[in-house]
C-alpha atoms as a PDB file:
ATOM      1  CA  MET A   1      45.767  25.522  43.475  1.00  0.00           C
ATOM      2  CA  THR A   2      46.456  25.411  46.802  1.00  0.00           C
ATOM      3  CA  THR A   3      47.999  27.333  50.139  1.00  0.00           C
ATOM      4  CA  VAL A   4      49.124  24.090  51.813  1.00  0.00           C
ATOM      5  CA  VAL A   5      53.040  24.703  50.780  1.00  0.00           C
ATOM      6  CA  THR A   6      54.432  21.838  53.347  1.00  0.00           C
ATOM      7  CA  LYS A   7      55.826  19.548  50.458  1.00  0.00           C
ATOM      8  CA  ILE A   8      56.350  20.412  47.245  1.00  0.00           C
ATOM      9  CA  TYR A   9      56.769  17.635  44.358  1.00  0.00           C
ATOM     10  CA  PRO A  10      58.493  17.586  41.661  1.00  0.00           C
ATOM     11  CA  PHE A  11      55.094  17.608  39.744  1.00  0.00           C
ATOM     12  CA  GLU A  12      53.776  21.254  41.553  1.00  0.00           C
ATOM     13  CA  ILE A  13      54.787  24.751  41.113  1.00  0.00           C
ATOM     14  CA  LEU A  14      55.663  27.026  43.960  1.00  0.00           C
ATOM     15  CA  VAL A  15      54.538  30.323  43.317  1.00  0.00           C
ATOM     16  CA  GLU A  16      52.873  33.486  45.065  1.00  0.00           C
ATOM     17  CA  VAL A  17      49.859  35.257  44.231  1.00  0.00           C
ATOM     18  CA  GLU A  18      49.128  38.639  46.199  1.00  0.00           C
ATOM     19  CA  GLY A  19      52.074  38.162  48.093  1.00  0.00           C
ATOM     20  CA  VAL A  20      50.550  34.520  49.460  1.00  0.00           C
ATOM     21  CA  LYS A  21      52.801  31.325  48.675  1.00  0.00           C
ATOM     22  CA  SER A  22      50.341  28.614  47.007  1.00  0.00           C
ATOM     23  CA  LYS A  23      51.406  25.823  44.608  1.00  0.00           C
ATOM     24  CA  ALA A  24      49.859  25.373  41.416  1.00  0.00           C
ATOM     25  CA  MET A  25      48.902  21.170  41.019  1.00  0.00           C
ATOM     26  CA  PRO A  26      49.132  20.520  37.471  1.00  0.00           C
ATOM     27  CA  ASP A  27      48.525  17.115  37.963  1.00  0.00           C
ATOM     28  CA  GLN A  28      44.664  18.005  39.051  1.00  0.00           C
ATOM     29  CA  ILE A  29      43.519  19.462  35.751  1.00  0.00           C
ATOM     30  CA  ARG A  30      39.728  20.041  35.655  1.00  0.00           C
ATOM     31  CA  THR A  31      37.138  21.323  33.319  1.00  0.00           C
ATOM     32  CA  VAL A  32      34.847  23.993  35.036  1.00  0.00           C
ATOM     33  CA  ASP A  33      32.033  26.175  33.582  1.00  0.00           C
ATOM     34  CA  CYS A  34      33.271  30.036  32.925  1.00  0.00           C
ATOM     35  CA  GLN A  35      30.049  30.693  35.035  1.00  0.00           C
ATOM     36  CA  ARG A  36      31.266  28.873  38.038  1.00  0.00           C
ATOM     37  CA  LEU A  37      34.898  30.836  37.819  1.00  0.00           C
ATOM     38  CA  GLY A  38      34.968  33.649  41.018  1.00  0.00           C
ATOM     39  CA  LEU A  39      36.869  36.570  40.826  1.00  0.00           C
ATOM     40  CA  LYS A  40      40.673  36.688  39.281  1.00  0.00           C
ATOM     41  CA  LEU A  41      43.206  35.823  42.147  1.00  0.00           C
ATOM     42  CA  GLY A  42      45.775  37.035  40.750  1.00  0.00           C
ATOM     43  CA  LYS A  43      48.520  36.855  38.147  1.00  0.00           C
ATOM     44  CA  LEU A  44      51.711  34.596  37.933  1.00  0.00           C
ATOM     45  CA  SER A  45      55.545  35.742  36.919  1.00  0.00           C
ATOM     46  CA  LEU A  46      57.102  35.029  33.565  1.00  0.00           C
ATOM     47  CA  ASP A  47      59.146  32.568  35.549  1.00  0.00           C
ATOM     48  CA  GLU A  48      56.039  30.721  37.445  1.00  0.00           C
ATOM     49  CA  ILE A  49      54.732  30.660  33.714  1.00  0.00           C
ATOM     50  CA  ASP A  50      57.555  28.727  32.141  1.00  0.00           C
ATOM     51  CA  LYS A  51      57.800  26.631  35.181  1.00  0.00           C
ATOM     52  CA  LEU A  52      53.758  25.803  34.709  1.00  0.00           C
ATOM     53  CA  ASP A  53      54.687  25.083  31.047  1.00  0.00           C
ATOM     54  CA  LYS A  54      57.240  22.961  31.473  1.00  0.00           C
ATOM     55  CA  THR A  55      55.308  20.991  34.098  1.00  0.00           C
ATOM     56  CA  LEU A  56      52.085  20.400  32.642  1.00  0.00           C
ATOM     57  CA  LYS A  57      54.616  19.102  29.352  1.00  0.00           C
ATOM     58  CA  LEU A  58      55.941  16.120  31.599  1.00  0.00           C
ATOM     59  CA  VAL A  59      52.203  15.407  33.486  1.00  0.00           C
ATOM     60  CA  LEU A  60      50.603  15.361  30.002  1.00  0.00           C
ATOM     61  CA  SER A  61      53.932  13.620  28.304  1.00  0.00           C
ATOM     62  CA  LEU A  62      54.213  15.514  25.628  1.00  0.00           C
END
């Protein structure tokens, strides 16, 4: 996720977390050990989750 939202590509999703606009980039999926994760930033809305799901299907050719 990044807060640089000047350009949103079709495979990216504009989200708002704790009042800050960000973009989720499902084309940049990474695996990370749970111990390396920091604090939870917030939650996505149901609409944002739906958009993320559709975009992941597109990116992963499902």
